[in-house]
N, C-alpha and C. Protein backbone atom coordinates (compact mmCIF):
# COMPACT_ATOMS: atom_id res chain seq x y z
N UNK A 1 0.78 -1.05 -0.06
CA UNK A 1 0.15 0.01 -0.05
C UNK A 1 0.89 1.29 -0.02
N UNK A 2 0.20 2.46 0.22
CA UNK A 2 0.87 3.72 0.25
C UNK A 2 2.06 3.91 1.10
N UNK A 3 1.57 3.30 2.51
CA UNK A 3 2.75 3.60 3.51
C UNK A 3 3.93 2.67 3.29
N UNK A 4 3.58 1.67 2.77
CA UNK A 4 4.71 0.56 2.52
C UNK A 4 5.69 1.32 1.26
N UNK A 5 5.09 1.88 0.38
CA UNK A 5 5.85 2.65 -0.68
C UNK A 5 6.62 3.74 0.07
N UNK A 6 6.07 4.53 0.84
CA UNK A 6 6.76 5.67 1.54
C UNK A 6 7.98 5.01 2.31
N UNK A 7 7.76 3.96 2.91
CA UNK A 7 8.88 3.41 3.83
C UNK A 7 9.93 2.95 2.98
N UNK A 8 9.52 2.27 1.72
CA UNK A 8 10.62 1.88 0.68
C UNK A 8 11.39 3.19 0.02
N UNK A 9 10.73 4.15 0.22
CA UNK A 9 11.43 5.58 -0.30
C UNK A 9 12.29 6.10 0.59
N UNK A 10 12.23 5.61 2.00
CA UNK A 10 13.18 6.07 2.97
C UNK A 10 12.20 7.08 3.93
N UNK A 11 11.09 7.15 3.80
CA UNK A 11 10.11 7.97 4.94
C UNK A 11 9.99 6.98 5.88
N UNK A 12 10.38 7.29 7.12
CA UNK A 12 10.34 6.48 8.31
C UNK A 12 9.61 7.04 9.68
N UNK A 13 9.15 8.31 9.46
CA UNK A 13 8.56 8.99 10.53
C UNK A 13 7.18 9.17 10.09
N UNK A 14 6.26 9.10 10.91
CA UNK A 14 4.78 9.16 10.60
C UNK A 14 4.04 10.00 11.80
N UNK A 15 2.95 10.73 11.43
CA UNK A 15 2.15 11.51 12.36
C UNK A 15 0.90 10.70 12.10
N UNK A 16 0.00 10.23 13.09
CA UNK A 16 -1.39 9.64 12.84
C UNK A 16 -2.29 10.53 13.48
N UNK A 17 -3.45 10.89 12.70
CA UNK A 17 -4.49 11.66 13.27
C UNK A 17 -5.61 10.64 13.83
N UNK A 18 -6.01 10.89 15.09
CA UNK A 18 -6.78 9.87 15.51
C UNK A 18 -8.19 10.66 15.81
N UNK A 19 -9.32 9.81 16.25
CA UNK A 19 -10.35 10.59 16.85
C UNK A 19 -11.73 10.22 15.93
N UNK A 20 -11.65 9.87 14.87
CA UNK A 20 -13.22 9.85 14.17
C UNK A 20 -13.60 8.48 14.58
N UNK A 21 -12.73 7.32 14.88
CA UNK A 21 -13.40 5.96 15.25
C UNK A 21 -11.95 5.56 16.09
N UNK A 22 -12.05 5.47 17.30
CA UNK A 22 -10.93 4.85 18.26
C UNK A 22 -10.68 3.38 17.88
N UNK A 23 -11.73 2.70 17.67
CA UNK A 23 -11.53 1.28 17.59
C UNK A 23 -10.74 0.88 16.14
N UNK A 24 -11.22 1.76 15.13
CA UNK A 24 -10.41 1.56 13.97
C UNK A 24 -9.15 2.34 14.05
N UNK A 25 -8.75 3.32 14.74
CA UNK A 25 -7.57 3.94 15.01
C UNK A 25 -6.60 2.80 15.55
N UNK A 26 -7.19 1.94 16.47
CA UNK A 26 -6.36 0.84 17.26
C UNK A 26 -6.06 -0.30 16.27
N UNK A 27 -6.94 -0.50 15.47
CA UNK A 27 -6.68 -1.56 14.47
C UNK A 27 -5.71 -1.28 13.60
N UNK A 28 -5.70 0.03 13.06
CA UNK A 28 -4.76 0.60 12.40
C UNK A 28 -3.25 0.55 12.80
N UNK A 29 -3.24 1.19 14.09
CA UNK A 29 -1.73 1.21 14.88
C UNK A 29 -1.43 -0.06 15.13
N UNK A 30 -1.98 -1.10 15.40
CA UNK A 30 -1.81 -2.75 15.78
C UNK A 30 -1.07 -3.15 14.35
N UNK A 31 -2.03 -2.79 13.29
CA UNK A 31 -1.49 -3.30 11.88
C UNK A 31 -0.14 -2.71 11.51
N UNK A 32 0.16 -1.52 11.86
CA UNK A 32 1.13 -0.60 11.44
C UNK A 32 2.30 -1.09 12.17
N UNK A 33 2.19 -1.39 13.45
CA UNK A 33 3.26 -1.81 14.47
C UNK A 33 3.66 -3.29 13.93
N UNK A 34 2.49 -4.12 13.67
CA UNK A 34 2.90 -5.49 13.28
C UNK A 34 3.69 -5.62 11.79
N UNK A 35 3.16 -4.62 10.99
CA UNK A 35 3.96 -4.78 9.58
C UNK A 35 5.11 -4.21 9.45
N UNK A 36 5.62 -2.83 10.21
CA UNK A 36 6.66 -2.29 10.14
C UNK A 36 7.68 -2.35 11.41
N UNK A 37 7.18 -2.57 12.52
CA UNK A 37 8.01 -2.81 13.61
C UNK A 37 9.02 -1.55 13.95
N UNK A 38 10.25 -1.94 14.03
CA UNK A 38 11.23 -0.90 14.34
C UNK A 38 11.58 -0.18 13.01
N UNK A 39 11.11 -0.47 12.11
CA UNK A 39 11.65 0.22 10.71
C UNK A 39 11.08 1.50 10.63
N UNK A 40 9.97 1.87 11.41
CA UNK A 40 9.28 3.17 11.53
C UNK A 40 9.47 3.71 12.63
N UNK A 41 9.13 5.25 12.87
CA UNK A 41 8.68 5.89 14.14
C UNK A 41 7.47 6.43 13.99
N UNK A 42 6.79 6.32 14.89
CA UNK A 42 5.40 7.02 15.00
C UNK A 42 5.81 8.39 15.89
N UNK A 43 5.80 9.51 15.17
CA UNK A 43 6.29 10.54 15.57
C UNK A 43 5.07 11.22 16.72
N UNK A 44 3.77 11.31 16.22
CA UNK A 44 2.59 11.83 16.97
C UNK A 44 1.47 11.14 16.71
N UNK A 45 0.49 11.18 17.75
CA UNK A 45 -0.95 10.93 17.72
C UNK A 45 -1.40 12.32 17.67
N UNK A 46 -2.31 12.67 16.64
CA UNK A 46 -2.60 14.19 16.63
C UNK A 46 -4.15 13.99 16.82
N UNK A 47 -4.57 14.67 18.09
CA UNK A 47 -6.00 14.79 18.34
C UNK A 47 -6.55 16.11 17.84
N UNK A 48 -5.98 16.79 16.96
CA UNK A 48 -6.73 17.96 16.44
C UNK A 48 -7.57 18.85 17.38
N UNK A 49 -7.24 18.98 18.57
CA UNK A 49 -8.09 19.88 19.47
C UNK A 49 -9.35 19.60 19.47
N UNK A 50 -9.92 18.32 19.36
CA UNK A 50 -11.34 18.07 19.49
C UNK A 50 -11.75 17.40 20.50
N UNK A 51 -11.12 17.12 21.58
CA UNK A 51 -11.51 16.26 22.64
C UNK A 51 -11.29 17.09 24.15
N UNK A 52 -11.97 16.59 24.98
CA UNK A 52 -11.70 17.05 26.42
C UNK A 52 -10.41 16.39 26.87
N UNK A 53 -9.62 17.06 27.55
CA UNK A 53 -8.16 16.35 28.08
C UNK A 53 -8.54 14.91 28.68
N UNK A 54 -9.55 14.69 29.47
CA UNK A 54 -9.82 13.43 30.03
C UNK A 54 -10.13 12.43 29.06
N UNK A 55 -10.71 12.56 27.98
CA UNK A 55 -10.78 11.75 26.84
C UNK A 55 -9.53 11.29 26.08
N UNK A 56 -8.85 12.43 25.82
CA UNK A 56 -7.42 12.06 25.37
C UNK A 56 -6.71 11.27 26.38
N UNK A 57 -6.69 11.50 27.54
CA UNK A 57 -5.97 10.69 28.65
C UNK A 57 -6.23 9.46 28.50
N UNK A 58 -7.49 9.02 28.33
CA UNK A 58 -8.19 7.69 28.27
C UNK A 58 -7.58 6.99 27.00
N UNK A 59 -7.65 7.75 26.07
CA UNK A 59 -7.11 7.14 24.71
C UNK A 59 -5.64 6.74 24.66
N UNK A 60 -4.93 7.82 25.46
CA UNK A 60 -3.39 7.63 25.66
C UNK A 60 -2.98 6.61 26.27
N UNK A 61 -3.93 6.13 27.42
CA UNK A 61 -3.55 5.02 28.15
C UNK A 61 -4.05 3.84 27.31
N UNK A 62 -4.97 3.78 26.58
CA UNK A 62 -5.13 2.66 25.84
C UNK A 62 -4.23 2.51 24.45
N UNK A 63 -3.64 3.52 23.91
CA UNK A 63 -2.58 3.65 22.81
C UNK A 63 -1.34 3.78 23.05
N UNK A 64 -0.74 3.89 24.26
CA UNK A 64 0.58 4.10 24.45
C UNK A 64 1.61 2.99 24.10
N UNK A 65 0.84 1.70 24.05
CA UNK A 65 1.55 0.63 23.63
C UNK A 65 2.10 0.64 22.40
N UNK A 66 1.76 1.71 21.46
CA UNK A 66 2.11 1.72 20.11
C UNK A 66 3.25 2.80 19.98
N UNK A 67 3.91 3.21 21.10
CA UNK A 67 5.21 3.72 21.15
C UNK A 67 5.33 5.16 20.16
N UNK A 68 4.22 6.06 20.27
CA UNK A 68 4.53 7.39 19.76
C UNK A 68 5.21 8.38 20.59
N UNK A 69 5.96 9.40 20.04
CA UNK A 69 6.87 10.20 20.74
C UNK A 69 5.96 11.29 21.53
N UNK A 70 4.90 11.64 20.74
CA UNK A 70 4.15 12.83 21.52
C UNK A 70 2.84 12.95 21.16
N UNK A 71 2.08 13.71 21.84
CA UNK A 71 0.60 14.00 21.48
C UNK A 71 0.63 15.36 21.00
N UNK A 72 -0.23 15.47 19.95
CA UNK A 72 -0.37 17.06 19.43
C UNK A 72 -1.95 17.26 19.72
N UNK A 73 -1.95 18.39 19.75
CA UNK A 73 -3.31 19.32 20.02
C UNK A 73 -4.22 18.36 20.69
N UNK A 74 -3.73 18.07 22.04
CA UNK A 74 -4.54 17.16 22.78
C UNK A 74 -5.87 17.39 23.51
N UNK A 75 -6.28 18.67 23.60
CA UNK A 75 -7.51 19.24 24.15
C UNK A 75 -8.20 20.26 23.50
N UNK A 76 -9.37 20.42 23.85
CA UNK A 76 -10.22 21.39 23.17
C UNK A 76 -9.34 22.68 23.09
N UNK A 77 -9.67 23.39 21.90
CA UNK A 77 -9.02 24.68 21.61
C UNK A 77 -8.83 25.76 22.87
N UNK A 78 -7.82 25.80 23.11
CA UNK A 78 -7.47 27.21 24.23
C UNK A 78 -7.86 26.51 25.64
N UNK A 79 -7.75 25.16 25.81
CA UNK A 79 -8.13 24.65 27.12
C UNK A 79 -6.67 24.39 27.73
N UNK A 80 -6.04 25.41 27.97
CA UNK A 80 -4.62 25.14 28.55
C UNK A 80 -4.42 24.59 29.82
N UNK A 81 -5.36 24.93 30.67
CA UNK A 81 -5.41 24.32 32.11
C UNK A 81 -5.66 22.86 31.83
N UNK A 82 -6.66 22.44 30.88
CA UNK A 82 -6.54 21.14 30.61
C UNK A 82 -5.54 20.28 30.08
N UNK A 83 -4.69 21.13 29.29
CA UNK A 83 -3.50 20.56 28.54
C UNK A 83 -2.52 20.37 29.75
N UNK A 84 -2.58 21.21 30.64
CA UNK A 84 -1.30 21.25 31.71
C UNK A 84 -1.71 19.85 32.80
N UNK A 85 -3.04 19.77 32.96
CA UNK A 85 -3.33 18.59 33.63
C UNK A 85 -3.07 17.29 33.18
N UNK A 86 -3.21 17.29 31.72
CA UNK A 86 -2.89 16.13 30.99
C UNK A 86 -1.53 15.80 30.85
N UNK A 87 -0.47 17.01 30.82
CA UNK A 87 0.71 16.99 30.79
C UNK A 87 1.32 16.23 32.20
N UNK A 88 0.73 16.61 33.06
CA UNK A 88 1.06 16.27 34.56
C UNK A 88 0.79 14.50 34.70
N UNK A 89 0.01 14.13 33.74
CA UNK A 89 -0.42 12.62 33.88
C UNK A 89 0.19 11.76 32.93
N UNK A 90 0.83 12.22 32.00
CA UNK A 90 1.42 11.37 31.13
C UNK A 90 2.99 11.54 30.99
N UNK A 91 3.66 10.34 30.02
CA UNK A 91 5.18 10.42 30.15
C UNK A 91 5.62 10.80 28.84
N UNK A 92 4.83 11.59 28.14
CA UNK A 92 5.50 11.68 26.61
C UNK A 92 5.18 13.28 26.72
N UNK A 93 5.75 13.96 25.62
CA UNK A 93 5.67 15.39 25.30
C UNK A 93 4.36 15.71 24.64
N UNK A 94 3.84 16.92 25.04
CA UNK A 94 2.70 17.44 24.48
C UNK A 94 3.13 18.63 23.68
N UNK A 95 2.57 18.52 22.12
CA UNK A 95 2.93 19.60 21.31
C UNK A 95 1.49 20.22 21.01
N UNK A 96 1.61 21.65 20.53
CA UNK A 96 0.47 22.44 20.18
C UNK A 96 0.95 23.47 19.19
N UNK A 97 0.04 23.65 18.13
CA UNK A 97 0.56 24.80 17.18
C UNK A 97 0.36 26.13 17.76
N UNK A 98 1.19 26.93 17.55
CA UNK A 98 1.34 28.33 18.16
C UNK A 98 1.23 29.48 16.92
N UNK A 99 0.13 30.00 17.08
CA UNK A 99 -0.27 31.14 15.97
C UNK A 99 -0.05 32.55 16.51
N UNK A 100 0.25 32.76 17.61
CA UNK A 100 0.64 34.17 18.08
C UNK A 100 1.57 34.32 19.37
N UNK A 101 2.33 35.34 19.64
CA UNK A 101 3.00 35.53 20.98
C UNK A 101 1.93 35.52 22.17
N UNK A 102 0.86 36.03 21.92
CA UNK A 102 -0.04 35.95 22.89
C UNK A 102 -0.48 34.46 23.49
N UNK A 103 -0.78 33.93 22.54
CA UNK A 103 -1.05 32.31 22.59
C UNK A 103 0.05 31.56 23.18
N UNK A 104 1.29 31.95 22.80
CA UNK A 104 2.46 31.24 23.33
C UNK A 104 2.53 31.74 24.91
N UNK A 105 2.50 32.67 25.14
CA UNK A 105 2.54 33.23 26.53
C UNK A 105 1.52 32.56 27.43
N UNK A 106 0.30 32.44 26.91
CA UNK A 106 -0.79 31.62 27.63
C UNK A 106 -0.20 30.23 27.95
N UNK A 107 0.17 29.51 26.90
CA UNK A 107 0.67 28.31 27.19
C UNK A 107 1.66 28.23 28.02
N UNK A 108 2.74 29.28 28.09
CA UNK A 108 3.83 28.90 28.88
C UNK A 108 3.40 29.40 30.37
N UNK A 109 2.62 30.22 30.61
CA UNK A 109 2.14 30.43 31.95
C UNK A 109 1.36 29.29 32.74
N UNK A 110 0.56 28.64 31.61
CA UNK A 110 -0.43 27.57 32.21
C UNK A 110 0.61 26.16 32.36
N UNK A 111 1.76 26.25 31.79
CA UNK A 111 2.61 25.04 31.77
C UNK A 111 2.15 23.90 31.18
N UNK A 112 1.44 24.26 29.87
CA UNK A 112 0.61 23.34 29.02
C UNK A 112 1.28 22.53 27.97
N UNK A 113 2.46 22.76 27.73
CA UNK A 113 3.28 22.10 26.41
C UNK A 113 4.49 21.91 26.96
N UNK A 114 4.97 20.86 26.22
CA UNK A 114 6.66 20.60 26.15
C UNK A 114 7.06 21.07 24.70
N UNK A 115 6.46 21.18 23.70
CA UNK A 115 6.80 21.52 22.30
C UNK A 115 5.73 22.56 21.75
N UNK A 116 6.48 23.63 21.19
CA UNK A 116 5.68 24.65 20.21
C UNK A 116 5.83 24.15 18.66
N UNK A 117 4.53 23.94 18.24
CA UNK A 117 4.73 23.60 16.88
C UNK A 117 4.53 24.74 16.05
N UNK A 118 5.71 25.22 15.34
CA UNK A 118 5.67 26.48 14.71
C UNK A 118 5.81 26.34 13.18
N UNK A 119 4.87 27.19 12.41
CA UNK A 119 4.85 27.05 10.95
C UNK A 119 4.99 28.32 10.55
N UNK A 120 5.16 28.50 9.09
CA UNK A 120 5.17 29.82 8.30
C UNK A 120 4.08 30.56 8.71
N UNK A 121 2.68 29.71 8.80
CA UNK A 121 1.46 30.16 8.98
C UNK A 121 1.24 30.78 10.21
N UNK A 122 2.36 30.90 11.16
CA UNK A 122 2.24 31.49 12.58
C UNK A 122 2.53 33.06 12.41
N UNK A 123 2.69 33.52 11.24
CA UNK A 123 2.90 34.93 11.02
C UNK A 123 4.01 35.41 10.39
N UNK A 124 4.49 34.39 9.63
CA UNK A 124 5.77 34.90 8.72
C UNK A 124 7.02 34.45 9.49
N UNK A 125 8.18 34.65 8.89
CA UNK A 125 9.62 34.31 9.46
C UNK A 125 9.94 35.15 10.68
N UNK A 126 9.63 36.35 10.49
CA UNK A 126 9.86 37.36 11.66
C UNK A 126 9.16 36.94 12.96
N UNK A 127 8.03 36.64 12.82
CA UNK A 127 6.81 35.98 13.96
C UNK A 127 7.48 34.67 14.48
N UNK A 128 7.76 33.93 13.48
CA UNK A 128 8.34 32.58 13.97
C UNK A 128 9.81 32.68 14.73
N UNK A 129 10.61 33.65 14.36
CA UNK A 129 11.78 33.82 15.15
C UNK A 129 11.39 34.21 16.80
N UNK A 130 10.36 35.03 16.74
CA UNK A 130 10.01 35.43 18.07
C UNK A 130 9.52 34.41 18.91
N UNK A 131 8.66 33.50 18.42
CA UNK A 131 8.15 32.29 18.74
C UNK A 131 9.21 31.26 19.32
N UNK A 132 10.55 31.14 18.36
CA UNK A 132 11.37 30.28 18.61
C UNK A 132 12.24 30.91 19.98
N UNK A 133 12.23 32.24 19.92
CA UNK A 133 13.12 32.94 20.99
C UNK A 133 12.22 32.54 22.45
N UNK A 134 10.94 32.77 22.55
CA UNK A 134 9.94 32.64 23.58
C UNK A 134 10.23 31.00 24.18
N UNK A 135 10.11 30.10 23.13
CA UNK A 135 10.55 28.67 23.37
C UNK A 135 11.66 28.43 23.97
N UNK A 136 12.66 29.05 23.62
CA UNK A 136 14.08 28.77 24.09
C UNK A 136 14.06 29.35 25.46
N UNK A 137 13.56 30.66 25.66
CA UNK A 137 13.37 31.15 27.09
C UNK A 137 12.78 30.29 28.05
N UNK A 138 11.65 29.76 27.47
CA UNK A 138 10.77 28.88 28.50
C UNK A 138 11.46 27.56 28.80
N UNK A 139 12.41 27.04 28.05
CA UNK A 139 12.97 25.79 28.11
C UNK A 139 12.15 24.89 27.26
N UNK A 140 11.47 25.16 26.30
CA UNK A 140 10.61 24.17 25.42
C UNK A 140 11.34 23.83 24.25
N UNK A 141 10.90 22.88 23.63
CA UNK A 141 11.36 22.32 22.26
C UNK A 141 10.64 22.96 21.13
N UNK A 142 11.00 22.84 19.91
CA UNK A 142 10.13 23.22 18.87
C UNK A 142 10.11 22.27 17.96
N UNK A 143 9.04 22.31 17.22
CA UNK A 143 8.85 21.56 15.97
C UNK A 143 8.59 22.52 14.78
N UNK A 144 9.15 22.30 13.59
CA UNK A 144 8.68 23.18 12.44
C UNK A 144 7.85 22.38 11.69
N UNK A 145 6.47 22.62 11.83
CA UNK A 145 5.41 22.09 10.96
C UNK A 145 5.26 22.48 9.53
N UNK A 146 5.19 21.47 8.74
CA UNK A 146 4.87 21.72 7.42
C UNK A 146 4.12 20.54 6.86
N UNK A 147 2.87 20.58 6.83
CA UNK A 147 1.94 19.57 6.40
C UNK A 147 1.05 19.98 5.11
N UNK A 148 0.75 21.17 5.15
CA UNK A 148 -0.08 21.71 4.02
C UNK A 148 0.49 22.40 2.88
N UNK A 149 1.69 22.95 3.03
CA UNK A 149 2.28 23.81 2.19
C UNK A 149 2.57 23.17 1.01
N UNK A 150 2.65 24.14 -0.06
CA UNK A 150 3.24 23.55 -1.43
C UNK A 150 4.67 24.14 -1.41
N UNK A 151 5.30 24.27 -2.40
CA UNK A 151 6.77 24.51 -2.63
C UNK A 151 7.11 25.59 -1.97
N UNK A 152 6.55 26.93 -2.23
CA UNK A 152 6.97 28.07 -1.57
C UNK A 152 6.79 28.08 0.04
N UNK A 153 5.68 27.67 0.56
CA UNK A 153 5.54 27.40 1.86
C UNK A 153 6.63 26.63 2.68
N UNK A 154 7.03 25.53 1.91
CA UNK A 154 7.91 24.64 2.34
C UNK A 154 9.29 25.12 2.26
N UNK A 155 9.54 26.01 1.36
CA UNK A 155 10.95 26.75 1.33
C UNK A 155 10.78 27.94 2.39
N UNK A 156 9.89 28.59 2.74
CA UNK A 156 9.64 29.36 3.84
C UNK A 156 9.97 28.75 5.02
N UNK A 157 9.43 27.38 5.35
CA UNK A 157 9.73 26.61 6.50
C UNK A 157 11.03 26.11 6.71
N UNK A 158 11.77 26.12 5.42
CA UNK A 158 13.31 25.78 5.66
C UNK A 158 13.95 26.97 5.86
N UNK A 159 13.67 28.21 5.73
CA UNK A 159 14.18 29.47 6.20
C UNK A 159 14.04 29.23 7.67
N UNK A 160 12.73 29.13 8.06
CA UNK A 160 12.48 29.07 9.66
C UNK A 160 13.47 28.05 10.28
N UNK A 161 13.90 26.95 9.71
CA UNK A 161 14.78 26.16 10.25
C UNK A 161 16.13 26.61 10.57
N UNK A 162 16.34 27.42 9.53
CA UNK A 162 17.86 28.25 9.61
C UNK A 162 17.93 29.14 10.80
N UNK A 163 16.78 29.61 11.36
CA UNK A 163 16.85 30.75 12.45
C UNK A 163 16.39 30.00 13.69
N UNK A 164 16.02 28.72 13.77
CA UNK A 164 15.56 28.21 14.88
C UNK A 164 16.72 27.66 15.95
N UNK A 165 16.43 27.62 17.27
CA UNK A 165 17.66 27.38 18.10
C UNK A 165 18.16 26.00 17.81
N UNK A 166 19.41 25.88 18.17
CA UNK A 166 20.07 24.68 17.89
C UNK A 166 19.42 23.39 18.40
N UNK A 167 18.61 23.66 19.85
CA UNK A 167 18.03 22.39 20.30
C UNK A 167 16.71 21.98 19.65
N UNK A 168 16.50 22.48 18.53
CA UNK A 168 15.19 21.99 17.63
C UNK A 168 14.96 20.58 17.74
N UNK A 169 13.92 20.36 18.08
CA UNK A 169 13.39 18.83 18.08
C UNK A 169 12.68 18.39 16.88
N UNK A 170 13.18 17.46 16.00
CA UNK A 170 12.89 17.16 14.71
C UNK A 170 11.70 16.36 14.63
């Protein structure tokens, strides 16, 4: 299938979006693990900000056997207190997309995340630089997100990578 072709081409890190049907998600994750084993890494389970943090915790406990590195967008939009509570209860990093300095400051104050997910849509290269600086000052990791961009947006994200702190998490 498509995933096998990507692995054959050397793509070995994947993000998986969960939440439409958790039973189906679990069947996929089990099949993914059984088929590819240690040849691939599951970077993240992305909850897309659709769930209460308690539901995400329940699914995390159910799915943690599939060895993903982080949870992305784990709680309802702007529920930073819920995200912080989830963060205290799990063993892996929590990542969230950052779109403004104000949002970043609210997440830092709430101790809600381990990783800022920064993209060119965060306000351009200048704004991304400010967000990288905030993350570094707060002791947070960063991801440069690029999932929807075409060639120009991807090139801009590559420029973001040039200005990102050395401790950037890939």
